[in-house]
N, C-alpha and C. Protein backbone atom coordinates (compact mmCIF):
# COMPACT_ATOMS: atom_id res chain seq x y z
N MET A 1 -12.83 -39.96 -29.44
CA MET A 1 -12.94 -38.53 -29.31
C MET A 1 -12.43 -38.05 -27.95
N ASN A 2 -12.69 -38.82 -26.87
CA ASN A 2 -12.24 -38.43 -25.54
C ASN A 2 -10.73 -38.42 -25.43
N SER A 3 -10.04 -39.34 -26.07
CA SER A 3 -8.57 -39.35 -26.01
C SER A 3 -8.00 -38.13 -26.73
N PHE A 4 -8.67 -37.66 -27.78
CA PHE A 4 -8.23 -36.45 -28.47
C PHE A 4 -8.34 -35.24 -27.53
N ARG A 5 -9.45 -35.14 -26.82
CA ARG A 5 -9.63 -34.04 -25.88
C ARG A 5 -8.61 -34.12 -24.75
N ALA A 6 -8.34 -35.30 -24.28
CA ALA A 6 -7.37 -35.48 -23.20
C ALA A 6 -5.98 -35.06 -23.66
N ARG A 7 -5.60 -35.43 -24.88
CA ARG A 7 -4.28 -35.04 -25.42
C ARG A 7 -4.21 -33.53 -25.63
N LEU A 8 -5.31 -32.90 -25.95
CA LEU A 8 -5.34 -31.46 -26.16
C LEU A 8 -5.37 -30.72 -24.83
N PHE A 9 -6.11 -31.22 -23.87
CA PHE A 9 -6.31 -30.56 -22.59
C PHE A 9 -5.10 -30.69 -21.67
N SER A 10 -4.45 -31.83 -21.65
CA SER A 10 -3.33 -32.07 -20.73
C SER A 10 -2.19 -31.08 -20.89
N PRO A 11 -1.69 -30.82 -22.10
CA PRO A 11 -0.61 -29.83 -22.24
C PRO A 11 -1.05 -28.42 -21.81
N ALA A 12 -2.27 -28.06 -22.12
CA ALA A 12 -2.76 -26.73 -21.74
C ALA A 12 -2.83 -26.61 -20.22
N LEU A 13 -3.29 -27.64 -19.56
CA LEU A 13 -3.35 -27.64 -18.10
C LEU A 13 -1.95 -27.56 -17.50
N PHE A 14 -1.01 -28.27 -18.09
CA PHE A 14 0.37 -28.24 -17.62
C PHE A 14 0.96 -26.83 -17.75
N VAL A 15 0.72 -26.18 -18.87
CA VAL A 15 1.24 -24.82 -19.10
C VAL A 15 0.64 -23.86 -18.07
N LEU A 16 -0.65 -23.95 -17.81
CA LEU A 16 -1.28 -23.08 -16.80
C LEU A 16 -0.71 -23.34 -15.41
N PHE A 17 -0.45 -24.59 -15.09
CA PHE A 17 0.15 -24.94 -13.81
C PHE A 17 1.54 -24.32 -13.66
N VAL A 18 2.36 -24.44 -14.68
CA VAL A 18 3.72 -23.88 -14.65
C VAL A 18 3.66 -22.36 -14.52
N LEU A 19 2.76 -21.72 -15.24
CA LEU A 19 2.63 -20.26 -15.14
C LEU A 19 2.20 -19.83 -13.74
N ALA A 20 1.27 -20.56 -13.16
CA ALA A 20 0.79 -20.23 -11.82
C ALA A 20 1.92 -20.34 -10.80
N ILE A 21 2.74 -21.35 -10.92
CA ILE A 21 3.86 -21.54 -9.99
C ILE A 21 4.90 -20.45 -10.17
N SER A 22 5.13 -20.00 -11.38
CA SER A 22 6.20 -19.03 -11.65
C SER A 22 5.83 -17.62 -11.22
N VAL A 23 4.56 -17.29 -11.08
CA VAL A 23 4.15 -15.94 -10.74
C VAL A 23 4.53 -15.58 -9.31
N GLN A 24 4.33 -16.46 -8.35
CA GLN A 24 4.58 -16.15 -6.95
C GLN A 24 6.03 -15.77 -6.68
N PRO A 25 7.03 -16.54 -7.13
CA PRO A 25 8.41 -16.12 -6.87
C PRO A 25 8.75 -14.79 -7.54
N ALA A 26 8.20 -14.53 -8.71
CA ALA A 26 8.48 -13.27 -9.40
C ALA A 26 7.93 -12.10 -8.59
N THR A 27 6.76 -12.27 -8.01
CA THR A 27 6.17 -11.23 -7.19
C THR A 27 7.02 -11.00 -5.95
N ALA A 28 7.46 -12.05 -5.31
CA ALA A 28 8.31 -11.93 -4.12
C ALA A 28 9.63 -11.25 -4.45
N GLN A 29 10.22 -11.58 -5.60
CA GLN A 29 11.47 -10.96 -6.00
C GLN A 29 11.28 -9.48 -6.24
N LYS A 30 10.16 -9.09 -6.84
CA LYS A 30 9.89 -7.68 -7.10
C LYS A 30 9.80 -6.92 -5.79
N ASP A 31 9.06 -7.45 -4.80
CA ASP A 31 8.94 -6.80 -3.51
C ASP A 31 10.30 -6.70 -2.82
N GLN A 32 11.08 -7.77 -2.88
CA GLN A 32 12.40 -7.76 -2.25
C GLN A 32 13.33 -6.78 -2.95
N ALA A 33 13.29 -6.73 -4.27
CA ALA A 33 14.16 -5.82 -5.02
C ALA A 33 13.84 -4.38 -4.67
N ARG A 34 12.57 -4.06 -4.54
CA ARG A 34 12.18 -2.70 -4.20
C ARG A 34 12.72 -2.34 -2.82
N HIS A 35 12.63 -3.27 -1.88
CA HIS A 35 13.11 -3.01 -0.53
C HIS A 35 14.62 -2.82 -0.52
N ILE A 36 15.35 -3.66 -1.23
CA ILE A 36 16.81 -3.52 -1.29
C ILE A 36 17.19 -2.18 -1.92
N TYR A 37 16.45 -1.76 -2.95
CA TYR A 37 16.74 -0.49 -3.60
C TYR A 37 16.66 0.64 -2.58
N HIS A 38 15.64 0.64 -1.74
CA HIS A 38 15.51 1.71 -0.76
C HIS A 38 16.63 1.69 0.27
N ARG A 39 17.22 0.55 0.49
CA ARG A 39 18.37 0.51 1.41
C ARG A 39 19.59 1.20 0.82
N LEU A 40 19.62 1.34 -0.48
CA LEU A 40 20.80 1.90 -1.14
C LEU A 40 20.65 3.38 -1.49
N ILE A 41 19.77 4.10 -0.81
CA ILE A 41 19.60 5.53 -1.09
C ILE A 41 20.90 6.24 -0.73
N PRO A 42 21.47 6.95 -1.69
CA PRO A 42 22.73 7.65 -1.41
C PRO A 42 22.57 8.73 -0.35
N ALA A 43 23.60 8.95 0.40
CA ALA A 43 23.59 9.97 1.45
C ALA A 43 23.25 11.32 0.82
N GLY A 44 22.45 12.09 1.52
CA GLY A 44 22.06 13.41 1.03
C GLY A 44 20.77 13.38 0.22
N ASN A 45 20.35 12.22 -0.24
CA ASN A 45 19.09 12.12 -0.97
C ASN A 45 17.95 11.93 0.01
N THR A 46 16.76 12.28 -0.43
CA THR A 46 15.56 12.08 0.40
C THR A 46 14.55 11.31 -0.44
N CYS A 47 13.41 11.03 0.16
CA CYS A 47 12.34 10.36 -0.59
C CYS A 47 11.96 11.18 -1.82
N ALA A 48 11.95 12.52 -1.66
CA ALA A 48 11.55 13.41 -2.75
C ALA A 48 12.51 13.35 -3.94
N THR A 49 13.72 12.89 -3.73
CA THR A 49 14.68 12.79 -4.84
C THR A 49 14.13 11.90 -5.95
N CYS A 50 13.54 10.78 -5.58
CA CYS A 50 13.00 9.85 -6.57
C CYS A 50 11.48 9.94 -6.70
N HIS A 51 10.82 10.37 -5.65
CA HIS A 51 9.36 10.39 -5.62
C HIS A 51 8.85 11.83 -5.64
N LYS A 52 9.26 12.60 -6.64
CA LYS A 52 8.95 14.04 -6.73
C LYS A 52 7.45 14.31 -6.77
N VAL A 53 6.72 13.60 -7.62
CA VAL A 53 5.28 13.84 -7.75
C VAL A 53 4.57 13.55 -6.42
N ILE A 54 4.91 12.43 -5.82
CA ILE A 54 4.29 12.08 -4.53
C ILE A 54 4.67 13.10 -3.47
N SER A 55 5.90 13.54 -3.48
CA SER A 55 6.35 14.54 -2.52
C SER A 55 5.58 15.86 -2.69
N ASP A 56 5.36 16.26 -3.94
CA ASP A 56 4.60 17.48 -4.20
C ASP A 56 3.15 17.34 -3.73
N GLN A 57 2.57 16.16 -3.93
CA GLN A 57 1.21 15.91 -3.46
C GLN A 57 1.16 15.98 -1.94
N TRP A 58 2.14 15.36 -1.31
CA TRP A 58 2.21 15.34 0.15
C TRP A 58 2.34 16.76 0.71
N LYS A 59 3.13 17.62 0.03
CA LYS A 59 3.34 18.99 0.51
C LYS A 59 2.03 19.77 0.62
N ALA A 60 1.04 19.41 -0.18
CA ALA A 60 -0.25 20.10 -0.15
C ALA A 60 -1.24 19.46 0.82
N SER A 61 -0.81 18.45 1.55
CA SER A 61 -1.72 17.69 2.42
C SER A 61 -1.66 18.16 3.87
N PRO A 62 -2.68 17.80 4.65
CA PRO A 62 -2.64 18.10 6.09
C PRO A 62 -1.47 17.43 6.81
N HIS A 63 -1.02 16.29 6.32
CA HIS A 63 0.13 15.64 6.95
C HIS A 63 1.36 16.55 6.86
N ALA A 64 1.61 17.11 5.71
CA ALA A 64 2.76 18.00 5.56
C ALA A 64 2.60 19.23 6.45
N ALA A 65 1.39 19.78 6.47
CA ALA A 65 1.13 20.97 7.28
C ALA A 65 1.38 20.71 8.77
N ASN A 66 1.26 19.44 9.17
CA ASN A 66 1.48 19.08 10.57
C ASN A 66 2.83 18.42 10.81
N GLY A 67 3.71 18.46 9.81
CA GLY A 67 5.07 17.95 9.98
C GLY A 67 5.19 16.44 10.00
N VAL A 68 4.22 15.74 9.43
CA VAL A 68 4.27 14.29 9.39
C VAL A 68 5.11 13.87 8.18
N GLU A 69 6.33 13.47 8.44
CA GLU A 69 7.27 13.09 7.38
C GLU A 69 6.99 11.69 6.86
N CYS A 70 7.59 11.33 5.74
CA CYS A 70 7.41 10.02 5.10
C CYS A 70 7.65 8.86 6.08
N THR A 71 8.69 8.98 6.88
CA THR A 71 9.08 7.87 7.75
C THR A 71 8.07 7.60 8.86
N VAL A 72 7.23 8.57 9.18
CA VAL A 72 6.21 8.36 10.21
C VAL A 72 5.26 7.25 9.78
N CYS A 73 4.86 7.25 8.52
CA CYS A 73 3.93 6.24 8.01
C CYS A 73 4.64 5.03 7.42
N HIS A 74 5.73 5.27 6.71
CA HIS A 74 6.39 4.19 5.98
C HIS A 74 7.51 3.51 6.77
N GLY A 75 8.03 4.16 7.79
CA GLY A 75 9.16 3.63 8.55
C GLY A 75 10.48 4.05 7.89
N GLU A 76 11.55 3.70 8.53
CA GLU A 76 12.88 4.01 8.00
C GLU A 76 13.17 3.13 6.78
N THR A 77 13.78 3.70 5.77
CA THR A 77 14.04 2.95 4.54
C THR A 77 15.01 1.81 4.74
N THR A 78 15.82 1.87 5.78
CA THR A 78 16.79 0.81 6.03
C THR A 78 16.26 -0.27 6.97
N ALA A 79 15.05 -0.08 7.50
CA ALA A 79 14.49 -1.04 8.45
C ALA A 79 13.89 -2.24 7.72
N PRO A 80 13.98 -3.41 8.32
CA PRO A 80 13.40 -4.61 7.69
C PRO A 80 11.89 -4.51 7.52
N ASP A 81 11.23 -3.68 8.34
CA ASP A 81 9.78 -3.56 8.24
C ASP A 81 9.34 -2.32 7.45
N PHE A 82 10.22 -1.78 6.61
CA PHE A 82 9.85 -0.64 5.75
C PHE A 82 8.58 -0.99 4.99
N ALA A 83 7.61 -0.09 5.00
CA ALA A 83 6.31 -0.38 4.40
C ALA A 83 6.04 0.53 3.21
N GLY A 84 6.05 -0.04 2.01
CA GLY A 84 5.64 0.71 0.84
C GLY A 84 4.19 1.14 0.99
N THR A 85 3.38 0.24 1.50
CA THR A 85 1.98 0.54 1.83
C THR A 85 1.84 0.33 3.33
N PRO A 86 1.72 1.40 4.09
CA PRO A 86 1.65 1.27 5.54
C PRO A 86 0.43 0.48 6.01
N ALA A 87 0.59 -0.18 7.14
CA ALA A 87 -0.50 -0.93 7.76
C ALA A 87 -1.43 0.04 8.48
N LEU A 88 -2.60 -0.44 8.80
CA LEU A 88 -3.59 0.37 9.51
C LEU A 88 -3.04 0.85 10.86
N SER A 89 -2.15 0.08 11.44
CA SER A 89 -1.57 0.47 12.73
C SER A 89 -0.77 1.77 12.62
N SER A 90 -0.26 2.09 11.43
CA SER A 90 0.43 3.37 11.25
C SER A 90 -0.53 4.53 11.42
N CYS A 91 -1.74 4.39 10.91
CA CYS A 91 -2.75 5.44 11.04
C CYS A 91 -3.24 5.54 12.49
N ASP A 92 -3.31 4.40 13.15
CA ASP A 92 -3.83 4.32 14.52
C ASP A 92 -3.04 5.17 15.50
N ALA A 93 -1.76 5.36 15.24
CA ALA A 93 -0.92 6.13 16.15
C ALA A 93 -1.44 7.56 16.32
N CYS A 94 -1.98 8.16 15.27
CA CYS A 94 -2.47 9.54 15.34
C CYS A 94 -3.98 9.66 15.19
N HIS A 95 -4.58 8.68 14.57
CA HIS A 95 -6.02 8.75 14.25
C HIS A 95 -6.77 7.59 14.90
N SER A 96 -6.58 7.40 16.21
CA SER A 96 -7.16 6.23 16.89
C SER A 96 -8.69 6.21 16.83
N ASP A 97 -9.35 7.36 16.94
CA ASP A 97 -10.82 7.39 16.88
C ASP A 97 -11.31 6.92 15.51
N GLN A 98 -10.68 7.42 14.44
CA GLN A 98 -11.09 7.05 13.09
C GLN A 98 -10.80 5.58 12.81
N VAL A 99 -9.68 5.09 13.28
CA VAL A 99 -9.33 3.68 13.07
C VAL A 99 -10.30 2.79 13.84
N ALA A 100 -10.65 3.17 15.06
CA ALA A 100 -11.62 2.40 15.84
C ALA A 100 -12.97 2.35 15.13
N GLN A 101 -13.38 3.48 14.57
CA GLN A 101 -14.64 3.54 13.82
C GLN A 101 -14.57 2.63 12.60
N LEU A 102 -13.45 2.67 11.90
CA LEU A 102 -13.27 1.83 10.71
C LEU A 102 -13.32 0.36 11.09
N LYS A 103 -12.65 -0.01 12.17
CA LYS A 103 -12.62 -1.41 12.61
C LYS A 103 -13.99 -1.90 13.08
N SER A 104 -14.82 -1.00 13.61
CA SER A 104 -16.12 -1.41 14.14
C SER A 104 -17.20 -1.51 13.07
N ASP A 105 -16.93 -1.01 11.88
CA ASP A 105 -17.93 -1.02 10.81
C ASP A 105 -17.80 -2.32 10.01
N PRO A 106 -18.82 -3.20 10.07
CA PRO A 106 -18.73 -4.48 9.36
C PRO A 106 -18.53 -4.31 7.85
N PHE A 107 -19.06 -3.23 7.29
CA PHE A 107 -18.90 -2.98 5.86
C PHE A 107 -17.43 -2.74 5.50
N MET A 108 -16.66 -2.21 6.43
CA MET A 108 -15.26 -1.84 6.17
C MET A 108 -14.28 -2.96 6.54
N LYS A 109 -14.78 -4.13 6.90
CA LYS A 109 -13.91 -5.23 7.31
C LYS A 109 -12.84 -5.50 6.24
N GLY A 110 -11.59 -5.53 6.67
CA GLY A 110 -10.47 -5.80 5.77
C GLY A 110 -9.98 -4.60 5.00
N LYS A 111 -10.59 -3.46 5.20
CA LYS A 111 -10.18 -2.26 4.48
C LYS A 111 -9.29 -1.40 5.37
N THR A 112 -8.55 -0.51 4.74
CA THR A 112 -7.72 0.43 5.48
C THR A 112 -8.09 1.85 5.05
N CYS A 113 -7.48 2.83 5.64
CA CYS A 113 -7.78 4.23 5.34
C CYS A 113 -7.63 4.53 3.85
N VAL A 114 -6.59 3.98 3.22
CA VAL A 114 -6.31 4.32 1.82
C VAL A 114 -7.27 3.66 0.83
N ASN A 115 -8.19 2.82 1.31
CA ASN A 115 -9.21 2.31 0.42
C ASN A 115 -10.16 3.44 -0.01
N CYS A 116 -10.33 4.43 0.86
CA CYS A 116 -11.21 5.57 0.54
C CYS A 116 -10.44 6.88 0.38
N HIS A 117 -9.37 7.03 1.13
CA HIS A 117 -8.58 8.27 1.11
C HIS A 117 -7.28 8.01 0.36
N GLN A 118 -7.05 8.74 -0.71
CA GLN A 118 -5.80 8.55 -1.44
C GLN A 118 -4.64 8.83 -0.49
N ALA A 119 -3.60 8.05 -0.64
CA ALA A 119 -2.50 8.08 0.33
C ALA A 119 -1.84 9.45 0.48
N HIS A 120 -1.59 10.15 -0.59
CA HIS A 120 -0.85 11.41 -0.50
C HIS A 120 -1.65 12.61 -0.98
N ILE A 121 -2.84 12.37 -1.52
CA ILE A 121 -3.70 13.46 -1.97
C ILE A 121 -5.00 13.32 -1.20
N PHE A 122 -5.20 14.12 -0.22
CA PHE A 122 -6.47 14.11 0.49
C PHE A 122 -6.65 15.46 1.14
N VAL A 123 -7.89 15.75 1.44
CA VAL A 123 -8.19 17.00 2.14
C VAL A 123 -8.82 16.63 3.46
N GLU A 124 -8.59 17.46 4.43
CA GLU A 124 -9.16 17.23 5.74
C GLU A 124 -10.67 17.46 5.64
N HIS A 125 -11.44 16.60 6.25
CA HIS A 125 -12.88 16.80 6.24
C HIS A 125 -13.44 16.53 7.64
N LYS A 126 -14.54 17.12 7.88
CA LYS A 126 -15.21 16.96 9.17
C LYS A 126 -16.52 16.25 8.93
N LYS A 127 -17.01 15.55 9.93
CA LYS A 127 -18.32 14.92 9.83
C LYS A 127 -19.37 16.00 9.69
N ALA A 128 -20.37 15.72 8.88
CA ALA A 128 -21.47 16.65 8.72
C ALA A 128 -22.29 16.70 10.00
N ALA A 129 -22.81 17.87 10.32
CA ALA A 129 -23.66 18.01 11.49
C ALA A 129 -24.96 17.26 11.25
N PRO A 130 -25.54 16.66 12.29
CA PRO A 130 -26.81 15.96 12.12
C PRO A 130 -27.86 16.91 11.54
N ALA A 131 -28.79 16.37 10.78
CA ALA A 131 -29.83 17.17 10.15
C ALA A 131 -30.62 17.94 11.21
N GLY A 132 -30.89 19.20 10.92
CA GLY A 132 -31.70 20.03 11.83
C GLY A 132 -30.90 20.71 12.92
N LYS A 133 -29.61 20.60 12.92
CA LYS A 133 -28.80 21.24 13.96
C LYS A 133 -27.90 22.29 13.37
């Protein structure tokens, strides 16, 4: 009976192993392809040309009201460090107090601003006044 299980289990394990190995290169190729695509943006086009919905969301945000363009957070589309999802350091440039607070909170370890605040749809908020004041 054990040899039957071994003959049944071995091919299944092999298939899972092959699938696991094949996923990582596919993910890397997808990320690389996206980056190469952004390098080929035709002259005269902007981020809004392809990302209309996101651009419309951004237009209603405090970032747009303060002139914070796409490249401030994401970087130049032709740069090797173009960020589809910006790092926390991008937020730190303008929001150092909030980033410091986020970094000091053990509950927020490993999280970034966009874990709680949607990247392009958010409203400005202020801390609530302490109770009784």
